[in-house]
Each structure stands twice: as C-alpha cells, then as structure tokens.
Amino acid sequence: MRIAAVALLCSVAAVPAVAQVRSAAAVKWGPGPAFLPAGARFAVLQGDPGNSGVYTIRLRLPARYVVKPHSHPTDEDVTVLSGTLLVGMGDSMNVRKAQRLTAGGFITAPKDAHHFALTRGPTIIQIHGEGPFEITYVKAADDPRNAQRK
C-alpha cells in the first residue's frame, strides 16, 4: 500500500499546475541574446532560461549562421525543427567531422562539452534543459559580447 501511495504522489507531482499550450503562430520571436552572433531570432516557450529550472527556447537561424566552439554549464538538448544544422564536438571548427541534422534530428551536448554549430540554410532549433542557459566560448575573441565592448 505504501509503494502505491508514493507512486501516486510522484505521478501527481509530475503534472504541471497549468498546461502550457502554444501554436507555432503564437510563438513570440525577438532578437537573439548578446551571447549569440547577430542574425538569430529567439523565443522563450517555457521557464526562464536565465535562471535555475526547466526551460524551452527556440532559435531561428539564418543560412550560413555559425556559433563557434563553446560549452554550457548544464546539458543542452537540441532538436532540429526545420532546416539543416551541422554540429561538431571539440575546441575548433572541424566541419568535416560535424554531424548533419535535419528536421527531427536531436543532440544532447553534455555539460562542459566543447561543441560548435552552423546552418546550411534557414534553420529552426528547439533547446531545452535545466537552467541557467549560458554560453562560454572556447576562445574569448569568438564571444560576440566581447566584440560589443570594443
């Protein structure tokens, strides 16, 4: 009986207090954050990616968009919704070793793992995980925030 009560409590705790439902047309896009190169569009679907807790964001990236090698302090789960995303692991941009992901493709970049990404054409990706969502570039010169300070 006790195990059944614990299972019931766990299943009740997993249900959100308010369902979050949003059509694709209702997603509110804004400019990308300062830690991304110019040209990205950004939407928050769930949570606050700048704080602790679960978040879901979308990025709309133009053709030939490049995010140089970087890492995150938490796992990053990425799903390609449309377009083509090339993702590679390591401290340098080695496009030949990158994995090509199209709509439905998925990658988990583990916490602190150095990786890079680039698009072939216009691409939309969805990222979810446990916040805060932060980027640390392998080379400080690749961080767009540093270019803005000059």
C-alpha atoms as a PDB file:
ATOM      1  CA  MET A   1       0.000   0.000   0.000  1.00  0.00           C
ATOM      2  CA  ARG A   2       2.827   2.414   0.879  1.00  0.00           C
ATOM      3  CA  ILE A   3       4.541   1.935  -2.528  1.00  0.00           C
ATOM      4  CA  ALA A   4       1.260   2.655  -4.315  1.00  0.00           C
ATOM      5  CA  ALA A   5       0.862   5.919  -2.356  1.00  0.00           C
ATOM      6  CA  VAL A   6       4.401   7.014  -3.268  1.00  0.00           C
ATOM      7  CA  ALA A   7       3.769   6.172  -6.935  1.00  0.00           C
ATOM      8  CA  LEU A   8       0.534   8.186  -6.851  1.00  0.00           C
ATOM      9  CA  LEU A   9       2.295  11.181  -5.274  1.00  0.00           C
ATOM     10  CA  CYS A  10       5.080  11.035  -7.885  1.00  0.00           C
ATOM     11  CA  SER A  11       2.610  10.937 -10.768  1.00  0.00           C
ATOM     12  CA  VAL A  12       0.607  13.855  -9.341  1.00  0.00           C
ATOM     13  CA  ALA A  13       3.777  15.929  -8.817  1.00  0.00           C
ATOM     14  CA  ALA A  14       4.743  15.450 -12.466  1.00  0.00           C
ATOM     15  CA  VAL A  15       1.569  17.147 -13.741  1.00  0.00           C
ATOM     16  CA  PRO A  16       2.072  20.910 -14.286  1.00  0.00           C
ATOM     17  CA  ALA A  17      -0.277  23.240 -12.434  1.00  0.00           C
ATOM     18  CA  VAL A  18      -1.225  24.931 -15.712  1.00  0.00           C
ATOM     19  CA  ALA A  19      -0.766  23.369 -19.131  1.00  0.00           C
ATOM     20  CA  GLN A  20       1.302  25.489 -21.498  1.00  0.00           C
ATOM     21  CA  VAL A  21      -0.154  25.268 -24.990  1.00  0.00           C
ATOM     22  CA  ARG A  22       1.020  27.479 -27.824  1.00  0.00           C
ATOM     23  CA  SER A  23       0.515  27.237 -31.561  1.00  0.00           C
ATOM     24  CA  ALA A  24       3.500  27.830 -33.832  1.00  0.00           C
ATOM     25  CA  ALA A  25       1.889  31.089 -34.973  1.00  0.00           C
ATOM     26  CA  ALA A  26       1.662  32.289 -31.347  1.00  0.00           C
ATOM     27  CA  VAL A  27       5.402  31.950 -30.661  1.00  0.00           C
ATOM     28  CA  LYS A  28       6.766  35.437 -29.979  1.00  0.00           C
ATOM     29  CA  TRP A  29      10.158  35.927 -31.626  1.00  0.00           C
ATOM     30  CA  GLY A  30      12.649  38.577 -30.578  1.00  0.00           C
ATOM     31  CA  PRO A  31      16.297  39.341 -31.222  1.00  0.00           C
ATOM     32  CA  GLY A  32      18.864  36.767 -30.162  1.00  0.00           C
ATOM     33  CA  PRO A  33      20.684  37.260 -26.859  1.00  0.00           C
ATOM     34  CA  ALA A  34      24.036  39.090 -26.820  1.00  0.00           C
ATOM     35  CA  PHE A  35      25.945  35.800 -26.402  1.00  0.00           C
ATOM     36  CA  LEU A  36      24.901  34.733 -29.921  1.00  0.00           C
ATOM     37  CA  PRO A  37      26.218  36.166 -33.184  1.00  0.00           C
ATOM     38  CA  ALA A  38      23.932  38.725 -34.841  1.00  0.00           C
ATOM     39  CA  GLY A  39      21.093  37.420 -37.002  1.00  0.00           C
ATOM     40  CA  ALA A  40      19.477  34.882 -34.658  1.00  0.00           C
ATOM     41  CA  ARG A  41      15.862  35.207 -33.564  1.00  0.00           C
ATOM     42  CA  PHE A  42      14.935  33.927 -30.111  1.00  0.00           C
ATOM     43  CA  ALA A  43      11.731  32.741 -28.413  1.00  0.00           C
ATOM     44  CA  VAL A  44      11.107  31.501 -24.882  1.00  0.00           C
ATOM     45  CA  LEU A  45       8.453  28.789 -24.746  1.00  0.00           C
ATOM     46  CA  GLN A  46       8.794  27.658 -21.152  1.00  0.00           C
ATOM     47  CA  GLY A  47      10.518  28.818 -17.990  1.00  0.00           C
ATOM     48  CA  ASP A  48      13.261  31.400 -17.663  1.00  0.00           C
ATOM     49  CA  PRO A  49      16.459  30.265 -19.400  1.00  0.00           C
ATOM     50  CA  GLY A  50      18.486  32.783 -17.373  1.00  0.00           C
ATOM     51  CA  ASN A  51      17.635  31.147 -14.042  1.00  0.00           C
ATOM     52  CA  SER A  52      17.557  27.714 -12.437  1.00  0.00           C
ATOM     53  CA  GLY A  53      14.758  25.432 -13.554  1.00  0.00           C
ATOM     54  CA  VAL A  54      13.389  23.832 -16.690  1.00  0.00           C
ATOM     55  CA  TYR A  55      13.366  25.954 -19.838  1.00  0.00           C
ATOM     56  CA  THR A  56      12.481  25.530 -23.510  1.00  0.00           C
ATOM     57  CA  ILE A  57      13.656  28.031 -26.134  1.00  0.00           C
ATOM     58  CA  ARG A  58      13.687  28.231 -29.911  1.00  0.00           C
ATOM     59  CA  LEU A  59      16.262  29.788 -32.186  1.00  0.00           C
ATOM     60  CA  ARG A  60      15.543  30.796 -35.763  1.00  0.00           C
ATOM     61  CA  LEU A  61      18.899  30.947 -37.535  1.00  0.00           C
ATOM     62  CA  PRO A  62      19.688  32.325 -40.992  1.00  0.00           C
ATOM     63  CA  ALA A  63      21.607  30.443 -43.685  1.00  0.00           C
ATOM     64  CA  ARG A  64      25.352  30.043 -43.046  1.00  0.00           C
ATOM     65  CA  TYR A  65      24.969  31.010 -39.379  1.00  0.00           C
ATOM     66  CA  VAL A  66      27.922  29.952 -37.216  1.00  0.00           C
ATOM     67  CA  VAL A  67      28.236  29.506 -33.459  1.00  0.00           C
ATOM     68  CA  LYS A  68      31.937  28.988 -32.759  1.00  0.00           C
ATOM     69  CA  PRO A  69      33.181  26.359 -30.258  1.00  0.00           C
ATOM     70  CA  HIS A  70      31.621  26.836 -26.856  1.00  0.00           C
ATOM     71  CA  SER A  71      30.241  24.979 -23.853  1.00  0.00           C
ATOM     72  CA  HIS A  72      27.390  25.236 -21.361  1.00  0.00           C
ATOM     73  CA  PRO A  73      27.338  24.667 -17.561  1.00  0.00           C
ATOM     74  CA  THR A  74      24.424  22.226 -17.982  1.00  0.00           C
ATOM     75  CA  ASP A  75      23.426  19.630 -20.583  1.00  0.00           C
ATOM     76  CA  GLU A  76      21.967  21.160 -23.761  1.00  0.00           C
ATOM     77  CA  ASP A  77      19.236  19.183 -25.553  1.00  0.00           C
ATOM     78  CA  VAL A  78      18.678  20.368 -29.136  1.00  0.00           C
ATOM     79  CA  THR A  79      16.009  19.267 -31.618  1.00  0.00           C
ATOM     80  CA  VAL A  80      16.046  20.492 -35.214  1.00  0.00           C
ATOM     81  CA  LEU A  81      12.546  21.591 -36.196  1.00  0.00           C
ATOM     82  CA  SER A  82      13.364  22.690 -39.742  1.00  0.00           C
ATOM     83  CA  GLY A  83      16.399  23.219 -41.934  1.00  0.00           C
ATOM     84  CA  THR A  84      19.870  21.718 -41.580  1.00  0.00           C
ATOM     85  CA  LEU A  85      22.164  22.058 -38.572  1.00  0.00           C
ATOM     86  CA  LEU A  86      25.751  20.829 -38.561  1.00  0.00           C
ATOM     87  CA  VAL A  87      27.035  20.077 -35.063  1.00  0.00           C
ATOM     88  CA  GLY A  88      30.567  19.093 -34.136  1.00  0.00           C
ATOM     89  CA  MET A  89      32.437  18.421 -30.940  1.00  0.00           C
ATOM     90  CA  GLY A  90      35.803  19.867 -29.988  1.00  0.00           C
ATOM     91  CA  ASP A  91      37.771  23.055 -29.483  1.00  0.00           C
ATOM     92  CA  SER A  92      37.948  24.021 -33.157  1.00  0.00           C
ATOM     93  CA  MET A  93      35.590  24.196 -36.132  1.00  0.00           C
ATOM     94  CA  ASN A  94      36.188  20.953 -37.995  1.00  0.00           C
ATOM     95  CA  VAL A  95      33.190  20.909 -40.329  1.00  0.00           C
ATOM     96  CA  ARG A  96      34.271  17.622 -41.910  1.00  0.00           C
ATOM     97  CA  LYS A  97      33.679  15.848 -38.595  1.00  0.00           C
ATOM     98  CA  ALA A  98      30.352  17.572 -37.901  1.00  0.00           C
ATOM     99  CA  GLN A  99      27.095  15.616 -37.798  1.00  0.00           C
ATOM    100  CA  ARG A 100      24.374  16.761 -40.201  1.00  0.00           C
ATOM    101  CA  LEU A 101      20.979  17.022 -38.525  1.00  0.00           C
ATOM    102  CA  THR A 102      17.743  17.747 -40.374  1.00  0.00           C
ATOM    103  CA  ALA A 103      14.152  18.105 -39.119  1.00  0.00           C
ATOM    104  CA  GLY A 104      13.625  15.684 -36.253  1.00  0.00           C
ATOM    105  CA  GLY A 105      17.367  15.338 -35.561  1.00  0.00           C
ATOM    106  CA  PHE A 106      18.445  15.541 -31.920  1.00  0.00           C
ATOM    107  CA  ILE A 107      21.632  16.002 -29.930  1.00  0.00           C
ATOM    108  CA  THR A 108      22.487  16.260 -26.257  1.00  0.00           C
ATOM    109  CA  ALA A 109      25.665  18.243 -25.717  1.00  0.00           C
ATOM    110  CA  PRO A 110      26.830  17.232 -22.241  1.00  0.00           C
ATOM    111  CA  LYS A 111      27.658  19.789 -19.575  1.00  0.00           C
ATOM    112  CA  ASP A 112      31.040  21.485 -20.272  1.00  0.00           C
ATOM    113  CA  ALA A 113      31.497  19.656 -23.625  1.00  0.00           C
ATOM    114  CA  HIS A 114      33.049  21.906 -26.281  1.00  0.00           C
ATOM    115  CA  HIS A 115      30.970  21.970 -29.464  1.00  0.00           C
ATOM    116  CA  PHE A 116      30.075  24.187 -32.422  1.00  0.00           C
ATOM    117  CA  ALA A 117      27.159  24.588 -34.801  1.00  0.00           C
ATOM    118  CA  LEU A 118      26.422  26.028 -38.218  1.00  0.00           C
ATOM    119  CA  THR A 119      23.486  26.093 -40.588  1.00  0.00           C
ATOM    120  CA  ARG A 120      23.276  25.336 -44.292  1.00  0.00           C
ATOM    121  CA  GLY A 121      20.013  27.191 -44.884  1.00  0.00           C
ATOM    122  CA  PRO A 122      17.446  28.887 -42.639  1.00  0.00           C
ATOM    123  CA  THR A 123      17.060  26.609 -39.620  1.00  0.00           C
ATOM    124  CA  ILE A 124      14.861  26.485 -36.518  1.00  0.00           C
ATOM    125  CA  ILE A 125      16.046  24.585 -33.458  1.00  0.00           C
ATOM    126  CA  GLN A 126      14.465  23.968 -30.075  1.00  0.00           C
ATOM    127  CA  ILE A 127      16.656  23.784 -26.989  1.00  0.00           C
ATOM    128  CA  HIS A 128      15.505  22.554 -23.624  1.00  0.00           C
ATOM    129  CA  GLY A 129      17.188  21.711 -20.388  1.00  0.00           C
ATOM    130  CA  GLU A 130      17.774  22.730 -16.819  1.00  0.00           C
ATOM    131  CA  GLY A 131      18.827  26.372 -16.470  1.00  0.00           C
ATOM    132  CA  PRO A 132      20.527  28.597 -16.359  1.00  0.00           C
ATOM    133  CA  PHE A 133      21.290  28.538 -20.090  1.00  0.00           C
ATOM    134  CA  GLU A 134      24.714  30.119 -20.524  1.00  0.00           C
ATOM    135  CA  ILE A 135      27.447  30.025 -23.166  1.00  0.00           C
ATOM    136  CA  THR A 136      31.201  30.099 -22.597  1.00  0.00           C
ATOM    137  CA  TYR A 137      33.214  30.348 -25.813  1.00  0.00           C
ATOM    138  CA  VAL A 138      36.462  28.359 -26.068  1.00  0.00           C
ATOM    139  CA  LYS A 139      38.189  31.489 -27.404  1.00  0.00           C
ATOM    140  CA  ALA A 140      37.227  34.803 -25.804  1.00  0.00           C
ATOM    141  CA  ALA A 141      37.650  36.503 -29.200  1.00  0.00           C
ATOM    142  CA  ASP A 142      34.744  34.387 -30.568  1.00  0.00           C
ATOM    143  CA  ASP A 143      32.306  35.714 -27.940  1.00  0.00           C
ATOM    144  CA  PRO A 144      30.060  38.380 -29.536  1.00  0.00           C
ATOM    145  CA  ARG A 145      29.769  40.102 -26.146  1.00  0.00           C
ATOM    146  CA  ASN A 146      33.487  40.920 -26.317  1.00  0.00           C
ATOM    147  CA  ALA A 147      33.145  42.487 -29.779  1.00  0.00           C
ATOM    148  CA  GLN A 148      30.352  44.738 -28.455  1.00  0.00           C
ATOM    149  CA  ARG A 149      32.637  46.094 -25.717  1.00  0.00           C
ATOM    150  CA  LYS A 150      35.217  47.437 -28.173  1.00  0.00           C
END
